[in-house]
Amino acid sequence: MSLASAVAPPSEKERAQLLRMMGGDAIRGAVERYFGIKLAFQNCHSVGVFHPNRLDSAAYQDFISIKSQILNQTPELVDC
């Protein structure tokens, strides 16, 4: 199951730290192993959290699909 949050990081500093974590394989992998989760990254405005045993689920497959990736791109999200 994925978790979603509509709460933005409190400042650009925290947002930048989140993007650095998601963009780096080593730190992202460490976070995933520590919490026992799978992070899926569509872009700097959409991150999904999934249970590693559910990567075959419709929710995960839809989240990582090319269609979802494209639909998540809007003119409002140009500040990545």
Protein backbone atom coordinates (compact mmCIF):
# COMPACT_ATOMS: atom_id res chain seq x y z
CA MET A 1 0.00 0.00 0.00
CA SER A 2 1.26 3.47 -0.75
CA LEU A 3 1.18 6.47 1.48
CA ALA A 4 0.53 9.93 0.21
CA SER A 5 1.03 13.31 1.77
CA ALA A 6 -0.12 16.65 0.52
CA VAL A 7 2.08 18.45 3.03
CA ALA A 8 5.03 20.16 1.42
CA PRO A 9 8.36 20.36 3.22
CA PRO A 10 8.38 23.40 5.52
CA SER A 11 11.13 25.22 3.60
CA GLU A 12 13.27 25.01 0.49
CA LYS A 13 16.11 23.70 2.66
CA GLU A 14 14.07 20.66 3.75
CA ARG A 15 12.76 20.18 0.21
CA ALA A 16 16.32 20.17 -1.12
CA GLN A 17 17.35 17.57 1.48
CA LEU A 18 14.44 15.33 0.46
CA LEU A 19 15.39 15.63 -3.21
CA ARG A 20 19.02 14.81 -2.41
CA MET A 21 17.93 11.70 -0.52
CA MET A 22 15.65 10.56 -3.35
CA GLY A 23 18.23 11.32 -6.04
CA GLY A 24 21.06 9.32 -4.52
CA ASP A 25 20.97 5.53 -4.79
CA ALA A 26 23.10 4.96 -1.67
CA ILE A 27 21.15 7.15 0.77
CA ARG A 28 17.76 6.25 -0.71
CA GLY A 29 18.65 2.55 -0.41
CA ALA A 30 19.77 3.04 3.19
CA VAL A 31 16.47 4.76 4.04
CA GLU A 32 14.49 1.99 2.31
CA ARG A 33 16.36 -0.75 4.19
CA TYR A 34 16.14 1.04 7.54
CA PHE A 35 12.38 1.57 7.31
CA GLY A 36 11.59 -1.60 5.32
CA ILE A 37 9.94 0.32 2.48
CA LYS A 38 10.27 0.95 -1.26
CA LEU A 39 10.32 4.59 -2.35
CA ALA A 40 9.05 5.33 -5.84
CA PHE A 41 9.93 8.71 -7.32
CA GLN A 42 7.87 10.21 -10.13
CA ASN A 43 9.40 13.65 -9.95
CA CYS A 44 10.24 16.24 -7.33
CA HIS A 45 6.53 16.62 -6.57
CA SER A 46 5.40 13.02 -6.25
CA VAL A 47 6.89 10.26 -4.12
CA GLY A 48 5.20 6.98 -3.25
CA VAL A 49 5.98 4.69 -0.31
CA PHE A 50 5.30 1.01 -0.83
CA HIS A 51 5.81 -2.23 1.07
CA PRO A 52 8.59 -4.21 -0.66
CA ASN A 53 6.40 -7.32 -0.81
CA ARG A 54 3.72 -5.42 -2.75
CA LEU A 55 5.73 -4.29 -5.77
CA ASP A 56 3.51 -6.45 -7.95
CA SER A 57 0.40 -4.60 -6.73
CA ALA A 58 -1.75 -2.57 -9.09
CA ALA A 59 -1.08 0.56 -6.99
CA TYR A 60 2.70 0.29 -7.37
CA GLN A 61 2.55 -0.68 -11.05
CA ASP A 62 0.23 2.26 -11.76
CA PHE A 63 2.45 4.69 -9.82
CA ILE A 64 5.58 3.72 -11.75
CA SER A 65 3.88 3.48 -15.15
CA ILE A 66 4.95 5.72 -17.98
CA LYS A 67 1.37 7.01 -18.21
CA SER A 68 1.36 8.12 -14.56
CA GLN A 69 4.79 9.69 -14.97
CA ILE A 70 3.58 11.73 -17.94
CA LEU A 71 0.24 12.68 -16.35
CA ASN A 72 2.11 13.97 -13.28
CA GLN A 73 3.89 16.57 -15.43
CA THR A 74 2.03 19.86 -15.42
CA PRO A 75 3.06 23.47 -16.08
CA GLU A 76 2.56 24.21 -12.36
CA LEU A 77 5.34 21.78 -11.45
CA VAL A 78 8.18 23.45 -13.32
CA ASP A 79 10.26 24.27 -10.24
CA CYS A 80 11.94 20.90 -9.73
